[in-house]
């Protein structure tokens, strides 16, 4: 699991990770554990819409398929 202590809302480093709220994105070795300065910042983060898919299942599938593609990032 990858861990980040940089709160993506405040852009400040979280130092008290024992008591800080966090969110885990993804699964397995590539999961990302994100710490937040406050529960309010965590909730703000969770309220941000996922870029690109906007809840459209077919479009979400395209993004998910590309995320699993070893050539992700290539336009060729």
PDB file of N, CA and C in Angstrom:
ATOM      1  N   UNK A   1       0.849  -1.180   0.000  1.00  0.00           N
ATOM      2  CA  UNK A   1       0.000   0.000   0.000  1.00  0.00           C
ATOM      3  C   UNK A   1       0.890   1.238   0.000  1.00  0.00           C
ATOM      4  N   UNK A   2       0.485   2.204  -0.806  1.00  0.00           N
ATOM      5  CA  UNK A   2       1.173   3.483  -0.871  1.00  0.00           C
ATOM      6  C   UNK A   2       0.481   4.422   0.115  1.00  0.00           C
ATOM      7  N   UNK A   3       1.261   5.163   0.887  1.00  0.00           N
ATOM      8  CA  UNK A   3       0.710   6.077   1.885  1.00  0.00           C
ATOM      9  C   UNK A   3       1.152   7.497   1.585  1.00  0.00           C
ATOM     10  N   UNK A   4       0.201   8.427   1.662  1.00  0.00           N
ATOM     11  CA  UNK A   4       0.550   9.838   1.522  1.00  0.00           C
ATOM     12  C   UNK A   4       0.001  10.612   2.720  1.00  0.00           C
ATOM     13  N   UNK A   5       0.824  11.479   3.241  1.00  0.00           N
ATOM     14  CA  UNK A   5       0.410  12.296   4.380  1.00  0.00           C
ATOM     15  C   UNK A   5       0.123  13.738   3.953  1.00  0.00           C
ATOM     16  N   UNK A   6       0.139  13.989   2.652  1.00  0.00           N
ATOM     17  CA  UNK A   6      -0.189  15.319   2.150  1.00  0.00           C
ATOM     18  C   UNK A   6      -1.696  15.404   1.940  1.00  0.00           C
ATOM     19  N   UNK A   7      -2.357  16.205   2.758  1.00  0.00           N
ATOM     20  CA  UNK A   7      -3.808  16.380   2.648  1.00  0.00           C
ATOM     21  C   UNK A   7      -4.105  17.019   1.292  1.00  0.00           C
ATOM     22  N   UNK A   8      -4.860  16.332   0.407  1.00  0.00           N
ATOM     23  CA  UNK A   8      -5.103  16.878  -0.929  1.00  0.00           C
ATOM     24  C   UNK A   8      -6.009  18.106  -0.954  1.00  0.00           C
ATOM     25  N   UNK A   9      -6.674  18.398   0.137  1.00  0.00           N
ATOM     26  CA  UNK A   9      -7.537  19.585   0.210  1.00  0.00           C
ATOM     27  C   UNK A   9      -6.745  20.795   0.697  1.00  0.00           C
ATOM     28  N   UNK A  10      -6.050  20.663   1.815  1.00  0.00           N
ATOM     29  CA  UNK A  10      -5.301  21.798   2.374  1.00  0.00           C
ATOM     30  C   UNK A  10      -3.883  21.899   1.824  1.00  0.00           C
ATOM     31  N   UNK A  11      -3.388  20.803   1.234  1.00  0.00           N
ATOM     32  CA  UNK A  11      -2.015  20.694   0.742  1.00  0.00           C
ATOM     33  C   UNK A  11      -0.985  20.863   1.866  1.00  0.00           C
ATOM     34  N   UNK A  12      -1.391  20.493   3.071  1.00  0.00           N
ATOM     35  CA  UNK A  12      -0.479  20.521   4.216  1.00  0.00           C
ATOM     36  C   UNK A  12      -0.144  19.094   4.618  1.00  0.00           C
ATOM     37  N   UNK A  13       1.064  18.901   5.133  1.00  0.00           N
ATOM     38  CA  UNK A  13       1.491  17.589   5.580  1.00  0.00           C
ATOM     39  C   UNK A  13       0.827  17.242   6.909  1.00  0.00           C
ATOM     40  N   UNK A  14       0.246  16.062   6.984  1.00  0.00           N
ATOM     41  CA  UNK A  14      -0.409  15.599   8.201  1.00  0.00           C
ATOM     42  C   UNK A  14       0.650  14.895   9.051  1.00  0.00           C
ATOM     43  N   UNK A  15       0.853  15.390  10.265  1.00  0.00           N
ATOM     44  CA  UNK A  15       1.901  14.824  11.118  1.00  0.00           C
ATOM     45  C   UNK A  15       1.359  13.866  12.170  1.00  0.00           C
ATOM     46  N   UNK A  16       0.118  14.042  12.582  1.00  0.00           N
ATOM     47  CA  UNK A  16      -0.475  13.177  13.605  1.00  0.00           C
ATOM     48  C   UNK A  16      -1.298  12.068  12.944  1.00  0.00           C
ATOM     49  N   UNK A  17      -0.608  11.137  12.267  1.00  0.00           N
ATOM     50  CA  UNK A  17      -1.339  10.111  11.528  1.00  0.00           C
ATOM     51  C   UNK A  17      -2.015   9.086  12.436  1.00  0.00           C
ATOM     52  N   UNK A  18      -1.633   9.060  13.691  1.00  0.00           N
ATOM     53  CA  UNK A  18      -2.296   8.151  14.637  1.00  0.00           C
ATOM     54  C   UNK A  18      -3.768   8.528  14.830  1.00  0.00           C
ATOM     55  N   UNK A  19      -4.072   9.833  14.739  1.00  0.00           N
ATOM     56  CA  UNK A  19      -5.430  10.321  14.995  1.00  0.00           C
ATOM     57  C   UNK A  19      -6.107  10.939  13.777  1.00  0.00           C
ATOM     58  N   UNK A  20      -5.396  11.012  12.663  1.00  0.00           N
ATOM     59  CA  UNK A  20      -5.929  11.681  11.481  1.00  0.00           C
ATOM     60  C   UNK A  20      -6.901  10.784  10.714  1.00  0.00           C
ATOM     61  N   UNK A  21      -7.965  11.366  10.165  1.00  0.00           N
ATOM     62  CA  UNK A  21      -8.853  10.584   9.302  1.00  0.00           C
ATOM     63  C   UNK A  21      -8.126  10.246   8.003  1.00  0.00           C
ATOM     64  N   UNK A  22      -8.536   9.161   7.375  1.00  0.00           N
ATOM     65  CA  UNK A  22      -7.903   8.755   6.122  1.00  0.00           C
ATOM     66  C   UNK A  22      -8.910   8.059   5.222  1.00  0.00           C
ATOM     67  N   UNK A  23      -8.512   7.902   3.992  1.00  0.00           N
ATOM     68  CA  UNK A  23      -9.327   7.203   3.004  1.00  0.00           C
ATOM     69  C   UNK A  23      -8.393   6.284   2.220  1.00  0.00           C
ATOM     70  N   UNK A  24      -8.877   5.092   1.879  1.00  0.00           N
ATOM     71  CA  UNK A  24      -8.085   4.161   1.082  1.00  0.00           C
ATOM     72  C   UNK A  24      -8.730   4.069  -0.298  1.00  0.00           C
ATOM     73  N   UNK A  25      -7.937   4.385  -1.317  1.00  0.00           N
ATOM     74  CA  UNK A  25      -8.385   4.319  -2.711  1.00  0.00           C
ATOM     75  C   UNK A  25      -7.718   3.115  -3.358  1.00  0.00           C
ATOM     76  N   UNK A  26      -8.486   2.254  -3.978  1.00  0.00           N
ATOM     77  CA  UNK A  26      -7.931   1.101  -4.664  1.00  0.00           C
ATOM     78  C   UNK A  26      -7.759  -0.091  -3.747  1.00  0.00           C
ATOM     79  N   UNK A  27      -7.082  -1.106  -4.289  1.00  0.00           N
ATOM     80  CA  UNK A  27      -6.903  -2.356  -3.557  1.00  0.00           C
ATOM     81  C   UNK A  27      -5.485  -2.893  -3.761  1.00  0.00           C
ATOM     82  N   UNK A  28      -5.071  -3.765  -2.869  1.00  0.00           N
ATOM     83  CA  UNK A  28      -3.801  -4.465  -3.015  1.00  0.00           C
ATOM     84  C   UNK A  28      -2.590  -3.578  -2.844  1.00  0.00           C
ATOM     85  N   UNK A  29      -1.490  -3.996  -3.479  1.00  0.00           N
ATOM     86  CA  UNK A  29      -0.221  -3.274  -3.346  1.00  0.00           C
ATOM     87  C   UNK A  29      -0.284  -1.857  -3.891  1.00  0.00           C
ATOM     88  N   UNK A  30      -1.171  -1.616  -4.847  1.00  0.00           N
ATOM     89  CA  UNK A  30      -1.275  -0.289  -5.452  1.00  0.00           C
ATOM     90  C   UNK A  30      -2.333   0.586  -4.796  1.00  0.00           C
ATOM     91  N   UNK A  31      -2.922   0.125  -3.711  1.00  0.00           N
ATOM     92  CA  UNK A  31      -3.898   0.940  -2.988  1.00  0.00           C
ATOM     93  C   UNK A  31      -3.196   2.187  -2.447  1.00  0.00           C
ATOM     94  N   UNK A  32      -3.949   3.253  -2.319  1.00  0.00           N
ATOM     95  CA  UNK A  32      -3.409   4.521  -1.830  1.00  0.00           C
ATOM     96  C   UNK A  32      -4.142   4.917  -0.550  1.00  0.00           C
ATOM     97  N   UNK A  33      -3.394   5.070   0.534  1.00  0.00           N
ATOM     98  CA  UNK A  33      -3.957   5.521   1.809  1.00  0.00           C
ATOM     99  C   UNK A  33      -3.640   7.011   1.935  1.00  0.00           C
ATOM    100  N   UNK A  34      -4.697   7.819   1.978  1.00  0.00           N
ATOM    101  CA  UNK A  34      -4.561   9.274   1.997  1.00  0.00           C
ATOM    102  C   UNK A  34      -4.985   9.790   3.369  1.00  0.00           C
ATOM    103  N   UNK A  35      -4.083  10.488   4.036  1.00  0.00           N
ATOM    104  CA  UNK A  35      -4.406  11.096   5.336  1.00  0.00           C
ATOM    105  C   UNK A  35      -4.893  12.527   5.144  1.00  0.00           C
ATOM    106  N   UNK A  36      -5.809  12.942   6.035  1.00  0.00           N
ATOM    107  CA  UNK A  36      -6.398  14.281   5.987  1.00  0.00           C
ATOM    108  C   UNK A  36      -6.185  14.992   7.316  1.00  0.00           C
ATOM    109  N   UNK A  37      -6.100  16.317   7.260  1.00  0.00           N
ATOM    110  CA  UNK A  37      -5.970  17.120   8.478  1.00  0.00           C
ATOM    111  C   UNK A  37      -7.224  17.050   9.337  1.00  0.00           C
ATOM    112  N   UNK A  38      -8.380  16.921   8.685  1.00  0.00           N
ATOM    113  CA  UNK A  38      -9.641  16.923   9.418  1.00  0.00           C
ATOM    114  C   UNK A  38     -10.672  16.063   8.695  1.00  0.00           C
ATOM    115  N   UNK A  39     -11.706  15.701   9.403  1.00  0.00           N
ATOM    116  CA  UNK A  39     -12.817  14.967   8.799  1.00  0.00           C
ATOM    117  C   UNK A  39     -13.521  15.839   7.756  1.00  0.00           C
ATOM    118  N   UNK A  40     -13.556  17.136   8.002  1.00  0.00           N
ATOM    119  CA  UNK A  40     -14.165  18.063   7.032  1.00  0.00           C
ATOM    120  C   UNK A  40     -13.425  17.979   5.688  1.00  0.00           C
ATOM    121  N   UNK A  41     -12.096  17.964   5.725  1.00  0.00           N
ATOM    122  CA  UNK A  41     -11.321  17.851   4.492  1.00  0.00           C
ATOM    123  C   UNK A  41     -11.552  16.499   3.815  1.00  0.00           C
ATOM    124  N   UNK A  42     -11.670  15.450   4.604  1.00  0.00           N
ATOM    125  CA  UNK A  42     -11.944  14.120   4.054  1.00  0.00           C
ATOM    126  C   UNK A  42     -13.291  14.125   3.327  1.00  0.00           C
ATOM    127  N   UNK A  43     -14.286  14.741   3.939  1.00  0.00           N
ATOM    128  CA  UNK A  43     -15.619  14.803   3.321  1.00  0.00           C
ATOM    129  C   UNK A  43     -15.596  15.641   2.039  1.00  0.00           C
ATOM    130  N   UNK A  44     -14.843  16.730   2.042  1.00  0.00           N
ATOM    131  CA  UNK A  44     -14.706  17.542   0.827  1.00  0.00           C
ATOM    132  C   UNK A  44     -14.086  16.706  -0.286  1.00  0.00           C
ATOM    133  N   UNK A  45     -13.066  15.942   0.051  1.00  0.00           N
ATOM    134  CA  UNK A  45     -12.403  15.072  -0.917  1.00  0.00           C
ATOM    135  C   UNK A  45     -13.392  14.056  -1.489  1.00  0.00           C
ATOM    136  N   UNK A  46     -14.166  13.436  -0.619  1.00  0.00           N
ATOM    137  CA  UNK A  46     -15.122  12.413  -1.054  1.00  0.00           C
ATOM    138  C   UNK A  46     -16.246  12.989  -1.911  1.00  0.00           C
ATOM    139  N   UNK A  47     -16.508  14.288  -1.775  1.00  0.00           N
ATOM    140  CA  UNK A  47     -17.590  14.901  -2.546  1.00  0.00           C
ATOM    141  C   UNK A  47     -17.147  15.333  -3.944  1.00  0.00           C
ATOM    142  N   UNK A  48     -15.859  15.237  -4.242  1.00  0.00           N
ATOM    143  CA  UNK A  48     -15.357  15.615  -5.561  1.00  0.00           C
ATOM    144  C   UNK A  48     -15.766  14.527  -6.560  1.00  0.00           C
ATOM    145  N   UNK A  49     -16.435  14.903  -7.663  1.00  0.00           N
ATOM    146  CA  UNK A  49     -16.847  13.889  -8.641  1.00  0.00           C
ATOM    147  C   UNK A  49     -15.632  13.248  -9.304  1.00  0.00           C
ATOM    148  N   UNK A  50     -15.775  11.979  -9.641  1.00  0.00           N
ATOM    149  CA  UNK A  50     -14.701  11.269 -10.334  1.00  0.00           C
ATOM    150  C   UNK A  50     -14.567  11.865 -11.727  1.00  0.00           C
ATOM    151  N   UNK A  51     -13.376  12.284 -12.075  1.00  0.00           N
ATOM    152  CA  UNK A  51     -13.125  12.926 -13.369  1.00  0.00           C
ATOM    153  C   UNK A  51     -13.401  11.966 -14.514  1.00  0.00           C
ATOM    154  N   UNK A  52     -14.144  12.425 -15.467  1.00  0.00           N
ATOM    155  CA  UNK A  52     -14.327  11.678 -16.696  1.00  0.00           C
ATOM    156  C   UNK A  52     -15.558  10.809 -16.760  1.00  0.00           C
ATOM    157  N   UNK A  53     -15.822  10.023 -15.730  1.00  0.00           N
ATOM    158  CA  UNK A  53     -16.922   9.071 -15.854  1.00  0.00           C
ATOM    159  C   UNK A  53     -18.273   9.680 -15.511  1.00  0.00           C
ATOM    160  N   UNK A  54     -18.324  10.569 -14.545  1.00  0.00           N
ATOM    161  CA  UNK A  54     -19.563  11.228 -14.140  1.00  0.00           C
ATOM    162  C   UNK A  54     -20.747  10.276 -14.003  1.00  0.00           C
ATOM    163  N   UNK A  55     -20.456   9.052 -13.567  1.00  0.00           N
ATOM    164  CA  UNK A  55     -21.513   8.089 -13.316  1.00  0.00           C
ATOM    165  C   UNK A  55     -22.054   7.404 -14.566  1.00  0.00           C
ATOM    166  N   UNK A  56     -21.471   7.674 -15.716  1.00  0.00           N
ATOM    167  CA  UNK A  56     -21.922   7.036 -16.954  1.00  0.00           C
ATOM    168  C   UNK A  56     -21.224   5.678 -17.039  1.00  0.00           C
ATOM    169  N   UNK A  57     -21.991   4.603 -16.932  1.00  0.00           N
ATOM    170  CA  UNK A  57     -21.387   3.281 -16.800  1.00  0.00           C
ATOM    171  C   UNK A  57     -20.513   2.898 -17.989  1.00  0.00           C
ATOM    172  N   UNK A  58     -20.922   3.180 -19.207  1.00  0.00           N
ATOM    173  CA  UNK A  58     -20.108   2.805 -20.361  1.00  0.00           C
ATOM    174  C   UNK A  58     -18.803   3.584 -20.401  1.00  0.00           C
ATOM    175  N   UNK A  59     -18.875   4.873 -20.113  1.00  0.00           N
ATOM    176  CA  UNK A  59     -17.661   5.687 -20.094  1.00  0.00           C
ATOM    177  C   UNK A  59     -16.758   5.259 -18.945  1.00  0.00           C
ATOM    178  N   UNK A  60     -17.326   4.939 -17.806  1.00  0.00           N
ATOM    179  CA  UNK A  60     -16.538   4.462 -16.671  1.00  0.00           C
ATOM    180  C   UNK A  60     -15.805   3.177 -17.044  1.00  0.00           C
ATOM    181  N   UNK A  61     -16.468   2.289 -17.781  1.00  0.00           N
ATOM    182  CA  UNK A  61     -15.828   1.043 -18.204  1.00  0.00           C
ATOM    183  C   UNK A  61     -14.616   1.335 -19.088  1.00  0.00           C
ATOM    184  N   UNK A  62     -14.729   2.306 -19.971  1.00  0.00           N
ATOM    185  CA  UNK A  62     -13.599   2.666 -20.830  1.00  0.00           C
ATOM    186  C   UNK A  62     -12.425   3.126 -19.975  1.00  0.00           C
ATOM    187  N   UNK A  63     -12.673   4.011 -19.003  1.00  0.00           N
ATOM    188  CA  UNK A  63     -11.607   4.486 -18.125  1.00  0.00           C
ATOM    189  C   UNK A  63     -11.019   3.336 -17.306  1.00  0.00           C
ATOM    190  N   UNK A  64     -11.873   2.460 -16.804  1.00  0.00           N
ATOM    191  CA  UNK A  64     -11.393   1.311 -16.028  1.00  0.00           C
ATOM    192  C   UNK A  64     -10.546   0.383 -16.896  1.00  0.00           C
ATOM    193  N   UNK A  65     -10.985   0.130 -18.130  1.00  0.00           N
ATOM    194  CA  UNK A  65     -10.220  -0.725 -19.031  1.00  0.00           C
ATOM    195  C   UNK A  65      -8.853  -0.121 -19.331  1.00  0.00           C
ATOM    196  N   UNK A  66      -8.811   1.176 -19.543  1.00  0.00           N
ATOM    197  CA  UNK A  66      -7.526   1.831 -19.824  1.00  0.00           C
ATOM    198  C   UNK A  66      -6.612   1.820 -18.604  1.00  0.00           C
ATOM    199  N   UNK A  67      -7.194   1.905 -17.428  1.00  0.00           N
ATOM    200  CA  UNK A  67      -6.375   1.870 -16.210  1.00  0.00           C
ATOM    201  C   UNK A  67      -5.679   0.532 -16.068  1.00  0.00           C
ATOM    202  N   UNK A  68      -6.286  -0.532 -16.566  1.00  0.00           N
ATOM    203  CA  UNK A  68      -5.698  -1.867 -16.497  1.00  0.00           C
ATOM    204  C   UNK A  68      -4.841  -2.200 -17.709  1.00  0.00           C
ATOM    205  N   UNK A  69      -4.794  -1.328 -18.689  1.00  0.00           N
ATOM    206  CA  UNK A  69      -4.049  -1.563 -19.918  1.00  0.00           C
ATOM    207  C   UNK A  69      -2.571  -1.250 -19.692  1.00  0.00           C
ATOM    208  N   UNK A  70      -1.650  -2.151 -20.070  1.00  0.00           N
ATOM    209  CA  UNK A  70      -0.226  -1.887 -19.853  1.00  0.00           C
ATOM    210  C   UNK A  70       0.291  -0.734 -20.690  1.00  0.00           C
ATOM    211  N   UNK A  71      -0.463  -0.333 -21.724  1.00  0.00           N
ATOM    212  CA  UNK A  71      -0.038   0.771 -22.585  1.00  0.00           C
ATOM    213  C   UNK A  71      -0.676   2.104 -22.200  1.00  0.00           C
ATOM    214  N   UNK A  72      -1.254   2.176 -21.000  1.00  0.00           N
ATOM    215  CA  UNK A  72      -1.908   3.404 -20.563  1.00  0.00           C
ATOM    216  C   UNK A  72      -0.945   4.580 -20.702  1.00  0.00           C
ATOM    217  N   UNK A  73      -1.455   5.653 -21.235  1.00  0.00           N
ATOM    218  CA  UNK A  73      -0.640   6.843 -21.428  1.00  0.00           C
ATOM    219  C   UNK A  73      -0.171   6.981 -22.872  1.00  0.00           C
ATOM    220  N   UNK A  74      -0.257   5.910 -23.616  1.00  0.00           N
ATOM    221  CA  UNK A  74       0.160   5.954 -25.018  1.00  0.00           C
ATOM    222  C   UNK A  74      -1.017   6.369 -25.880  1.00  0.00           C
ATOM    223  N   UNK A  75      -0.777   7.225 -26.868  1.00  0.00           N
ATOM    224  CA  UNK A  75      -1.854   7.616 -27.775  1.00  0.00           C
ATOM    225  C   UNK A  75      -1.743   6.863 -29.089  1.00  0.00           C
ATOM    226  N   UNK A  76      -0.787   5.958 -29.190  1.00  0.00           N
ATOM    227  CA  UNK A  76      -0.597   5.189 -30.433  1.00  0.00           C
ATOM    228  C   UNK A  76      -1.293   3.864 -30.367  1.00  0.00           C
TER     229      UNK A  76
END
